[in-house]
All heavy atoms as atom14 arrays in JSON, in Angstrom:
{
  "sequence": "LDTEATVAGFSTFTDSELVDVGSRLTGIDLRTAERFDPLVGLSAF",
  "atom14_mask": [
    [1, 1, 1, 1, 1, 1, 1, 1, 0, 0, 0, 0, 0, 0],
    [1, 1, 1, 1, 1, 1, 1, 1, 0, 0, 0, 0, 0, 0],
    [1, 1, 1, 1, 1, 1, 1, 0, 0, 0, 0, 0, 0, 0],
    [1, 1, 1, 1, 1, 1, 1, 1, 1, 0, 0, 0, 0, 0],
    [1, 1, 1, 1, 1, 0, 0, 0, 0, 0, 0, 0, 0, 0],
    [1, 1, 1, 1, 1, 1, 1, 0, 0, 0, 0, 0, 0, 0],
    [1, 1, 1, 1, 1, 1, 1, 0, 0, 0, 0, 0, 0, 0],
    [1, 1, 1, 1, 1, 0, 0, 0, 0, 0, 0, 0, 0, 0],
    [1, 1, 1, 1, 0, 0, 0, 0, 0, 0, 0, 0, 0, 0],
    [1, 1, 1, 1, 1, 1, 1, 1, 1, 1, 1, 0, 0, 0],
    [1, 1, 1, 1, 1, 1, 0, 0, 0, 0, 0, 0, 0, 0],
    [1, 1, 1, 1, 1, 1, 1, 0, 0, 0, 0, 0, 0, 0],
    [1, 1, 1, 1, 1, 1, 1, 1, 1, 1, 1, 0, 0, 0],
    [1, 1, 1, 1, 1, 1, 1, 0, 0, 0, 0, 0, 0, 0],
    [1, 1, 1, 1, 1, 1, 1, 1, 0, 0, 0, 0, 0, 0],
    [1, 1, 1, 1, 1, 1, 0, 0, 0, 0, 0, 0, 0, 0],
    [1, 1, 1, 1, 1, 1, 1, 1, 1, 0, 0, 0, 0, 0],
    [1, 1, 1, 1, 1, 1, 1, 1, 0, 0, 0, 0, 0, 0],
    [1, 1, 1, 1, 1, 1, 1, 0, 0, 0, 0, 0, 0, 0],
    [1, 1, 1, 1, 1, 1, 1, 1, 0, 0, 0, 0, 0, 0],
    [1, 1, 1, 1, 1, 1, 1, 0, 0, 0, 0, 0, 0, 0],
    [1, 1, 1, 1, 0, 0, 0, 0, 0, 0, 0, 0, 0, 0],
    [1, 1, 1, 1, 1, 1, 0, 0, 0, 0, 0, 0, 0, 0],
    [1, 1, 1, 1, 1, 1, 1, 1, 1, 1, 1, 0, 0, 0],
    [1, 1, 1, 1, 1, 1, 1, 1, 0, 0, 0, 0, 0, 0],
    [1, 1, 1, 1, 1, 1, 1, 0, 0, 0, 0, 0, 0, 0],
    [1, 1, 1, 1, 0, 0, 0, 0, 0, 0, 0, 0, 0, 0],
    [1, 1, 1, 1, 1, 1, 1, 1, 0, 0, 0, 0, 0, 0],
    [1, 1, 1, 1, 1, 1, 1, 1, 0, 0, 0, 0, 0, 0],
    [1, 1, 1, 1, 1, 1, 1, 1, 0, 0, 0, 0, 0, 0],
    [1, 1, 1, 1, 1, 1, 1, 1, 1, 1, 1, 0, 0, 0],
    [1, 1, 1, 1, 1, 1, 1, 0, 0, 0, 0, 0, 0, 0],
    [1, 1, 1, 1, 1, 0, 0, 0, 0, 0, 0, 0, 0, 0],
    [1, 1, 1, 1, 1, 1, 1, 1, 1, 0, 0, 0, 0, 0],
    [1, 1, 1, 1, 1, 1, 1, 1, 1, 1, 1, 0, 0, 0],
    [1, 1, 1, 1, 1, 1, 1, 1, 1, 1, 1, 0, 0, 0],
    [1, 1, 1, 1, 1, 1, 1, 1, 0, 0, 0, 0, 0, 0],
    [1, 1, 1, 1, 1, 1, 1, 0, 0, 0, 0, 0, 0, 0],
    [1, 1, 1, 1, 1, 1, 1, 1, 0, 0, 0, 0, 0, 0],
    [1, 1, 1, 1, 1, 1, 1, 0, 0, 0, 0, 0, 0, 0],
    [1, 1, 1, 1, 0, 0, 0, 0, 0, 0, 0, 0, 0, 0],
    [1, 1, 1, 1, 1, 1, 1, 1, 0, 0, 0, 0, 0, 0],
    [1, 1, 1, 1, 1, 1, 0, 0, 0, 0, 0, 0, 0, 0],
    [1, 1, 1, 1, 1, 0, 0, 0, 0, 0, 0, 0, 0, 0],
    [1, 1, 1, 1, 1, 1, 1, 1, 1, 1, 1, 0, 0, 0]
  ],
  "atom14_positions": [
    [[65.68, 87.61, 87.63], [66.74, 86.62, 87.8], [66.74, 85.99, 89.18], [67.49, 85.04, 89.45], [68.11, 87.27, 87.54], [68.42, 87.63, 86.11], [69.6, 88.58, 86.02], [68.71, 86.36, 85.28], [0.0, 0.0, 0.0], [0.0, 0.0, 0.0], [0.0, 0.0, 0.0], [0.0, 0.0, 0.0], [0.0, 0.0, 0.0], [0.0, 0.0, 0.0]],
    [[65.9, 86.55, 90.09], [65.85, 86.09, 91.49], [67.23, 86.13, 92.12], [67.73, 85.15, 92.66], [65.27, 84.67, 91.56], [64.93, 84.26, 92.99], [64.74, 85.17, 93.85], [64.86, 83.05, 93.28], [0.0, 0.0, 0.0], [0.0, 0.0, 0.0], [0.0, 0.0, 0.0], [0.0, 0.0, 0.0], [0.0, 0.0, 0.0], [0.0, 0.0, 0.0]],
    [[67.84, 87.3, 92.04], [69.2, 87.46, 92.58], [69.33, 88.83, 93.21], [68.43, 89.69, 93.12], [70.26, 87.32, 91.46], [71.56, 87.27, 92.05], [70.2, 88.5, 90.5], [0.0, 0.0, 0.0], [0.0, 0.0, 0.0], [0.0, 0.0, 0.0], [0.0, 0.0, 0.0], [0.0, 0.0, 0.0], [0.0, 0.0, 0.0], [0.0, 0.0, 0.0]],
    [[70.42, 89.05, 93.91], [70.7, 90.38, 94.49], [71.15, 91.3, 93.39], [71.85, 90.9, 92.45], [71.79, 90.25, 95.55], [71.38, 89.43, 96.76], [70.3, 90.1, 97.55], [70.33, 91.35, 97.67], [69.44, 89.39, 98.1], [0.0, 0.0, 0.0], [0.0, 0.0, 0.0], [0.0, 0.0, 0.0], [0.0, 0.0, 0.0], [0.0, 0.0, 0.0]],
    [[70.81, 92.57, 93.52], [71.19, 93.58, 92.53], [72.61, 94.06, 92.81], [72.85, 95.2, 93.15], [70.21, 94.72, 92.54], [0.0, 0.0, 0.0], [0.0, 0.0, 0.0], [0.0, 0.0, 0.0], [0.0, 0.0, 0.0], [0.0, 0.0, 0.0], [0.0, 0.0, 0.0], [0.0, 0.0, 0.0], [0.0, 0.0, 0.0], [0.0, 0.0, 0.0]],
    [[73.57, 93.13, 92.64], [74.95, 93.41, 92.91], [75.79, 92.8, 91.78], [75.3, 91.96, 90.98], [75.42, 92.81, 94.23], [75.28, 91.37, 94.15], [74.59, 93.35, 95.4], [0.0, 0.0, 0.0], [0.0, 0.0, 0.0], [0.0, 0.0, 0.0], [0.0, 0.0, 0.0], [0.0, 0.0, 0.0], [0.0, 0.0, 0.0], [0.0, 0.0, 0.0]],
    [[77.04, 93.22, 91.72], [77.94, 92.6, 90.74], [78.03, 91.11, 90.97], [77.97, 90.31, 90.01], [79.34, 93.26, 90.8], [80.34, 92.5, 89.93], [79.29, 94.71, 90.38], [0.0, 0.0, 0.0], [0.0, 0.0, 0.0], [0.0, 0.0, 0.0], [0.0, 0.0, 0.0], [0.0, 0.0, 0.0], [0.0, 0.0, 0.0], [0.0, 0.0, 0.0]],
    [[78.17, 90.72, 92.21], [78.27, 89.26, 92.52], [77.01, 88.55, 92.07], [77.08, 87.43, 91.52], [78.51, 89.07, 93.99], [0.0, 0.0, 0.0], [0.0, 0.0, 0.0], [0.0, 0.0, 0.0], [0.0, 0.0, 0.0], [0.0, 0.0, 0.0], [0.0, 0.0, 0.0], [0.0, 0.0, 0.0], [0.0, 0.0, 0.0], [0.0, 0.0, 0.0]],
    [[75.85, 89.14, 92.31], [74.61, 88.51, 91.95], [74.47, 88.33, 90.43], [74.2, 87.23, 89.94], [0.0, 0.0, 0.0], [0.0, 0.0, 0.0], [0.0, 0.0, 0.0], [0.0, 0.0, 0.0], [0.0, 0.0, 0.0], [0.0, 0.0, 0.0], [0.0, 0.0, 0.0], [0.0, 0.0, 0.0], [0.0, 0.0, 0.0], [0.0, 0.0, 0.0]],
    [[74.68, 89.4, 89.67], [74.5, 89.31, 88.23], [75.61, 88.49, 87.55], [75.42, 87.89, 86.5], [74.49, 90.72, 87.62], [73.21, 91.48, 87.91], [73.23, 92.63, 88.69], [71.99, 91.03, 87.38], [72.04, 93.32, 88.94], [70.81, 91.72, 87.63], [70.84, 92.86, 88.43], [0.0, 0.0, 0.0], [0.0, 0.0, 0.0], [0.0, 0.0, 0.0]],
    [[76.82, 88.45, 88.18], [77.94, 87.75, 87.57], [77.77, 86.23, 87.54], [78.48, 85.55, 86.79], [79.24, 88.1, 88.3], [79.56, 89.46, 88.15], [0.0, 0.0, 0.0], [0.0, 0.0, 0.0], [0.0, 0.0, 0.0], [0.0, 0.0, 0.0], [0.0, 0.0, 0.0], [0.0, 0.0, 0.0], [0.0, 0.0, 0.0], [0.0, 0.0, 0.0]],
    [[76.84, 85.71, 88.34], [76.65, 84.25, 88.34], [75.91, 83.76, 87.11], [75.85, 82.55, 86.86], [75.86, 83.81, 89.6], [74.58, 84.45, 89.59], [76.62, 84.22, 90.86], [0.0, 0.0, 0.0], [0.0, 0.0, 0.0], [0.0, 0.0, 0.0], [0.0, 0.0, 0.0], [0.0, 0.0, 0.0], [0.0, 0.0, 0.0], [0.0, 0.0, 0.0]],
    [[75.36, 84.67, 86.31], [74.56, 84.28, 85.16], [75.38, 84.35, 83.87], [76.28, 85.18, 83.74], [73.32, 85.15, 85.06], [72.39, 84.97, 86.22], [72.48, 85.76, 87.34], [71.43, 83.96, 86.2], [71.64, 85.59, 88.43], [70.56, 83.79, 87.29], [70.68, 84.58, 88.4], [0.0, 0.0, 0.0], [0.0, 0.0, 0.0], [0.0, 0.0, 0.0]],
    [[75.02, 83.5, 82.94], [75.71, 83.46, 81.66], [75.27, 84.65, 80.79], [74.26, 85.27, 81.06], [75.42, 82.16, 80.89], [74.02, 82.16, 80.54], [75.75, 80.95, 81.73], [0.0, 0.0, 0.0], [0.0, 0.0, 0.0], [0.0, 0.0, 0.0], [0.0, 0.0, 0.0], [0.0, 0.0, 0.0], [0.0, 0.0, 0.0], [0.0, 0.0, 0.0]],
    [[76.04, 84.89, 79.76], [75.64, 85.93, 78.8], [74.26, 85.66, 78.24], [73.42, 86.57, 78.13], [76.64, 86.02, 77.65], [77.97, 86.63, 78.06], [78.1, 87.09, 79.2], [78.9, 86.61, 77.21], [0.0, 0.0, 0.0], [0.0, 0.0, 0.0], [0.0, 0.0, 0.0], [0.0, 0.0, 0.0], [0.0, 0.0, 0.0], [0.0, 0.0, 0.0]],
    [[73.98, 84.41, 77.93], [72.68, 84.06, 77.36], [71.56, 84.34, 78.32], [70.5, 84.87, 77.91], [72.66, 82.58, 76.95], [73.53, 82.3, 75.91], [0.0, 0.0, 0.0], [0.0, 0.0, 0.0], [0.0, 0.0, 0.0], [0.0, 0.0, 0.0], [0.0, 0.0, 0.0], [0.0, 0.0, 0.0], [0.0, 0.0, 0.0], [0.0, 0.0, 0.0]],
    [[71.75, 84.03, 79.57], [70.72, 84.29, 80.56], [70.49, 85.81, 80.74], [69.35, 86.25, 80.9], [71.09, 83.65, 81.89], [71.03, 82.11, 81.88], [71.67, 81.47, 83.09], [72.66, 82.02, 83.61], [71.19, 80.41, 83.52], [0.0, 0.0, 0.0], [0.0, 0.0, 0.0], [0.0, 0.0, 0.0], [0.0, 0.0, 0.0], [0.0, 0.0, 0.0]],
    [[71.55, 86.57, 80.73], [71.41, 88.02, 80.89], [70.75, 88.65, 79.67], [69.95, 89.57, 79.79], [72.8, 88.64, 81.11], [73.5, 88.25, 82.43], [74.88, 88.84, 82.48], [72.68, 88.69, 83.64], [0.0, 0.0, 0.0], [0.0, 0.0, 0.0], [0.0, 0.0, 0.0], [0.0, 0.0, 0.0], [0.0, 0.0, 0.0], [0.0, 0.0, 0.0]],
    [[71.07, 88.14, 78.5], [70.42, 88.62, 77.27], [68.92, 88.31, 77.31], [68.09, 89.15, 76.97], [71.08, 88.01, 76.04], [70.21, 88.23, 74.78], [72.47, 88.65, 75.82], [0.0, 0.0, 0.0], [0.0, 0.0, 0.0], [0.0, 0.0, 0.0], [0.0, 0.0, 0.0], [0.0, 0.0, 0.0], [0.0, 0.0, 0.0], [0.0, 0.0, 0.0]],
    [[68.59, 87.11, 77.74], [67.18, 86.72, 77.79], [66.4, 87.61, 78.76], [65.3, 88.08, 78.4], [67.07, 85.25, 78.26], [65.62, 84.8, 78.42], [64.91, 84.77, 77.41], [65.21, 84.54, 79.58], [0.0, 0.0, 0.0], [0.0, 0.0, 0.0], [0.0, 0.0, 0.0], [0.0, 0.0, 0.0], [0.0, 0.0, 0.0], [0.0, 0.0, 0.0]],
    [[66.93, 87.88, 79.9], [66.24, 88.74, 80.85], [66.21, 90.17, 80.35], [65.18, 90.87, 80.49], [66.91, 88.66, 82.23], [66.44, 89.8, 83.14], [66.62, 87.33, 82.89], [0.0, 0.0, 0.0], [0.0, 0.0, 0.0], [0.0, 0.0, 0.0], [0.0, 0.0, 0.0], [0.0, 0.0, 0.0], [0.0, 0.0, 0.0], [0.0, 0.0, 0.0]],
    [[67.27, 90.6, 79.7], [67.27, 91.95, 79.14], [66.14, 92.18, 78.16], [65.54, 93.26, 78.12], [0.0, 0.0, 0.0], [0.0, 0.0, 0.0], [0.0, 0.0, 0.0], [0.0, 0.0, 0.0], [0.0, 0.0, 0.0], [0.0, 0.0, 0.0], [0.0, 0.0, 0.0], [0.0, 0.0, 0.0], [0.0, 0.0, 0.0], [0.0, 0.0, 0.0]],
    [[65.81, 91.15, 77.37], [64.75, 91.28, 76.39], [63.38, 91.26, 77.05], [62.37, 91.58, 76.42], [64.84, 90.15, 75.37], [64.63, 88.87, 75.97], [0.0, 0.0, 0.0], [0.0, 0.0, 0.0], [0.0, 0.0, 0.0], [0.0, 0.0, 0.0], [0.0, 0.0, 0.0], [0.0, 0.0, 0.0], [0.0, 0.0, 0.0], [0.0, 0.0, 0.0]],
    [[63.31, 90.89, 78.34], [62.02, 90.84, 79.06], [61.8, 92.07, 79.91], [60.79, 92.19, 80.6], [61.99, 89.59, 79.95], [61.95, 88.3, 79.13], [62.38, 87.09, 79.97], [61.59, 86.95, 81.18], [61.96, 86.18, 82.2], [63.12, 85.54, 82.17], [61.18, 86.07, 83.26], [0.0, 0.0, 0.0], [0.0, 0.0, 0.0], [0.0, 0.0, 0.0]],
    [[62.72, 93.05, 79.85], [62.56, 94.27, 80.62], [61.72, 95.27, 79.87], [62.16, 96.32, 79.45], [63.94, 94.84, 80.93], [64.82, 94.02, 81.88], [66.22, 94.6, 81.96], [64.18, 93.96, 83.27], [0.0, 0.0, 0.0], [0.0, 0.0, 0.0], [0.0, 0.0, 0.0], [0.0, 0.0, 0.0], [0.0, 0.0, 0.0], [0.0, 0.0, 0.0]],
    [[60.47, 94.92, 79.7], [59.52, 95.78, 79.0], [58.44, 96.24, 79.95], [58.16, 95.6, 80.96], [58.92, 95.06, 77.81], [58.25, 93.87, 78.28], [59.97, 94.66, 76.78], [0.0, 0.0, 0.0], [0.0, 0.0, 0.0], [0.0, 0.0, 0.0], [0.0, 0.0, 0.0], [0.0, 0.0, 0.0], [0.0, 0.0, 0.0], [0.0, 0.0, 0.0]],
    [[57.81, 97.33, 79.61], [56.67, 97.8, 80.39], [57.01, 98.45, 81.71], [56.13, 98.68, 82.53], [0.0, 0.0, 0.0], [0.0, 0.0, 0.0], [0.0, 0.0, 0.0], [0.0, 0.0, 0.0], [0.0, 0.0, 0.0], [0.0, 0.0, 0.0], [0.0, 0.0, 0.0], [0.0, 0.0, 0.0], [0.0, 0.0, 0.0], [0.0, 0.0, 0.0]],
    [[58.32, 98.79, 81.94], [58.69, 99.46, 83.19], [58.34, 100.93, 83.07], [58.72, 101.61, 82.11], [60.2, 99.28, 83.45], [60.56, 97.81, 83.49], [60.58, 99.96, 84.76], [62.07, 97.56, 83.58], [0.0, 0.0, 0.0], [0.0, 0.0, 0.0], [0.0, 0.0, 0.0], [0.0, 0.0, 0.0], [0.0, 0.0, 0.0], [0.0, 0.0, 0.0]],
    [[57.61, 101.45, 84.04], [57.27, 102.86, 84.04], [58.46, 103.64, 84.52], [58.84, 103.59, 85.69], [56.05, 103.11, 84.94], [55.57, 104.56, 84.88], [56.2, 105.36, 84.14], [54.58, 104.87, 85.56], [0.0, 0.0, 0.0], [0.0, 0.0, 0.0], [0.0, 0.0, 0.0], [0.0, 0.0, 0.0], [0.0, 0.0, 0.0], [0.0, 0.0, 0.0]],
    [[59.08, 104.4, 83.64], [60.28, 105.17, 84.0], [60.01, 106.65, 84.22], [60.94, 107.45, 84.38], [61.34, 104.99, 82.89], [61.89, 103.59, 82.74], [62.93, 103.52, 81.63], [62.49, 103.07, 84.05], [0.0, 0.0, 0.0], [0.0, 0.0, 0.0], [0.0, 0.0, 0.0], [0.0, 0.0, 0.0], [0.0, 0.0, 0.0], [0.0, 0.0, 0.0]],
    [[58.75, 107.03, 84.23], [58.43, 108.42, 84.51], [58.65, 108.7, 85.98], [58.23, 107.92, 86.86], [57.0, 108.73, 84.12], [56.77, 108.76, 82.59], [55.31, 108.93, 82.27], [54.56, 107.73, 82.64], [53.24, 107.58, 82.4], [52.58, 108.57, 81.8], [52.6, 106.5, 82.78], [0.0, 0.0, 0.0], [0.0, 0.0, 0.0], [0.0, 0.0, 0.0]],
    [[59.3, 109.83, 86.29], [59.54, 110.24, 87.66], [59.02, 111.66, 87.84], [58.52, 112.29, 86.88], [61.05, 110.23, 87.99], [61.71, 111.31, 87.29], [61.68, 108.9, 87.58], [0.0, 0.0, 0.0], [0.0, 0.0, 0.0], [0.0, 0.0, 0.0], [0.0, 0.0, 0.0], [0.0, 0.0, 0.0], [0.0, 0.0, 0.0], [0.0, 0.0, 0.0]],
    [[59.15, 112.17, 89.05], [58.72, 113.53, 89.31], [59.52, 114.54, 88.52], [59.06, 115.64, 88.23], [58.82, 113.84, 90.8], [0.0, 0.0, 0.0], [0.0, 0.0, 0.0], [0.0, 0.0, 0.0], [0.0, 0.0, 0.0], [0.0, 0.0, 0.0], [0.0, 0.0, 0.0], [0.0, 0.0, 0.0], [0.0, 0.0, 0.0], [0.0, 0.0, 0.0]],
    [[60.76, 114.15, 88.13], [61.64, 115.08, 87.44], [61.72, 114.84, 85.94], [62.01, 115.75, 85.17], [63.05, 114.98, 88.04], [63.12, 115.34, 89.52], [62.75, 116.77, 89.79], [63.05, 117.63, 88.93], [62.19, 117.06, 90.86], [0.0, 0.0, 0.0], [0.0, 0.0, 0.0], [0.0, 0.0, 0.0], [0.0, 0.0, 0.0], [0.0, 0.0, 0.0]],
    [[61.51, 113.57, 85.51], [61.78, 113.25, 84.12], [60.71, 112.33, 83.53], [60.15, 111.49, 84.23], [63.14, 112.55, 83.97], [64.35, 113.41, 84.31], [65.6, 112.69, 83.94], [66.81, 113.47, 84.32], [68.02, 113.1, 84.04], [68.26, 111.98, 83.37], [69.06, 113.82, 84.39], [0.0, 0.0, 0.0], [0.0, 0.0, 0.0], [0.0, 0.0, 0.0]],
    [[60.51, 112.48, 82.23], [59.78, 111.49, 81.46], [60.77, 110.43, 80.97], [61.98, 110.58, 81.09], [59.07, 112.16, 80.26], [57.88, 112.94, 80.64], [57.99, 114.27, 81.01], [56.62, 112.38, 80.62], [56.9, 115.02, 81.38], [55.49, 113.11, 81.0], [55.63, 114.45, 81.35], [0.0, 0.0, 0.0], [0.0, 0.0, 0.0], [0.0, 0.0, 0.0]],
    [[60.24, 109.34, 80.42], [61.09, 108.29, 79.83], [61.58, 108.83, 78.48], [60.8, 108.98, 77.54], [60.28, 107.02, 79.65], [61.08, 105.9, 78.99], [62.24, 106.13, 78.58], [60.53, 104.79, 78.84], [0.0, 0.0, 0.0], [0.0, 0.0, 0.0], [0.0, 0.0, 0.0], [0.0, 0.0, 0.0], [0.0, 0.0, 0.0], [0.0, 0.0, 0.0]],
    [[62.88, 109.13, 78.33], [63.36, 109.7, 77.09], [63.28, 108.76, 75.9], [63.32, 109.24, 74.75], [64.82, 110.09, 77.41], [65.22, 109.13, 78.49], [63.96, 108.93, 79.31], [0.0, 0.0, 0.0], [0.0, 0.0, 0.0], [0.0, 0.0, 0.0], [0.0, 0.0, 0.0], [0.0, 0.0, 0.0], [0.0, 0.0, 0.0], [0.0, 0.0, 0.0]],
    [[63.17, 107.47, 76.14], [63.08, 106.51, 75.05], [61.66, 105.99, 74.85], [61.42, 105.09, 74.05], [64.02, 105.31, 75.31], [65.5, 105.71, 75.47], [66.36, 104.47, 75.59], [65.97, 106.56, 74.31], [0.0, 0.0, 0.0], [0.0, 0.0, 0.0], [0.0, 0.0, 0.0], [0.0, 0.0, 0.0], [0.0, 0.0, 0.0], [0.0, 0.0, 0.0]],
    [[60.7, 106.56, 75.57], [59.26, 106.3, 75.38], [58.97, 104.79, 75.36], [58.18, 104.3, 74.56], [58.75, 106.97, 74.1], [57.21, 107.07, 74.13], [59.33, 108.37, 73.9], [0.0, 0.0, 0.0], [0.0, 0.0, 0.0], [0.0, 0.0, 0.0], [0.0, 0.0, 0.0], [0.0, 0.0, 0.0], [0.0, 0.0, 0.0], [0.0, 0.0, 0.0]],
    [[59.66, 104.04, 76.2], [59.42, 102.61, 76.31], [60.04, 101.76, 75.26], [59.86, 100.53, 75.29], [0.0, 0.0, 0.0], [0.0, 0.0, 0.0], [0.0, 0.0, 0.0], [0.0, 0.0, 0.0], [0.0, 0.0, 0.0], [0.0, 0.0, 0.0], [0.0, 0.0, 0.0], [0.0, 0.0, 0.0], [0.0, 0.0, 0.0], [0.0, 0.0, 0.0]],
    [[60.78, 102.3, 74.33], [61.38, 101.52, 73.26], [62.59, 100.71, 73.75], [62.97, 99.73, 73.11], [61.8, 102.42, 72.09], [60.66, 103.05, 71.31], [61.2, 103.96, 70.23], [59.75, 102.0, 70.71], [0.0, 0.0, 0.0], [0.0, 0.0, 0.0], [0.0, 0.0, 0.0], [0.0, 0.0, 0.0], [0.0, 0.0, 0.0], [0.0, 0.0, 0.0]],
    [[63.2, 101.12, 74.84], [64.34, 100.4, 75.4], [64.39, 100.64, 76.88], [64.03, 101.73, 77.38], [65.66, 100.85, 74.75], [66.78, 100.19, 75.35], [0.0, 0.0, 0.0], [0.0, 0.0, 0.0], [0.0, 0.0, 0.0], [0.0, 0.0, 0.0], [0.0, 0.0, 0.0], [0.0, 0.0, 0.0], [0.0, 0.0, 0.0], [0.0, 0.0, 0.0]],
    [[64.84, 99.62, 77.62], [65.01, 99.76, 79.07], [66.4, 100.21, 79.42], [66.76, 100.25, 80.61], [64.72, 98.43, 79.76], [0.0, 0.0, 0.0], [0.0, 0.0, 0.0], [0.0, 0.0, 0.0], [0.0, 0.0, 0.0], [0.0, 0.0, 0.0], [0.0, 0.0, 0.0], [0.0, 0.0, 0.0], [0.0, 0.0, 0.0], [0.0, 0.0, 0.0]],
    [[67.2, 100.55, 78.41], [68.59, 100.93, 78.67], [68.93, 102.23, 77.97], [68.45, 102.52, 76.85], [69.54, 99.83, 78.2], [69.35, 98.51, 78.88], [68.59, 97.54, 78.24], [69.87, 98.26, 80.11], [68.37, 96.31, 78.86], [69.65, 97.04, 80.75], [68.89, 96.07, 80.13], [0.0, 0.0, 0.0], [0.0, 0.0, 0.0], [0.0, 0.0, 0.0]]
  ]
}
């Protein structure tokens, strides 16, 4: 979204814009030293 990761930053976008970006949050590696990705990449949330 090219914005700050804050409430103020995300609040400037419409629901449609947030939904569109949400659907593009794929391929993020969520494995950490402590945990695997519990959703195995099926959802970013």
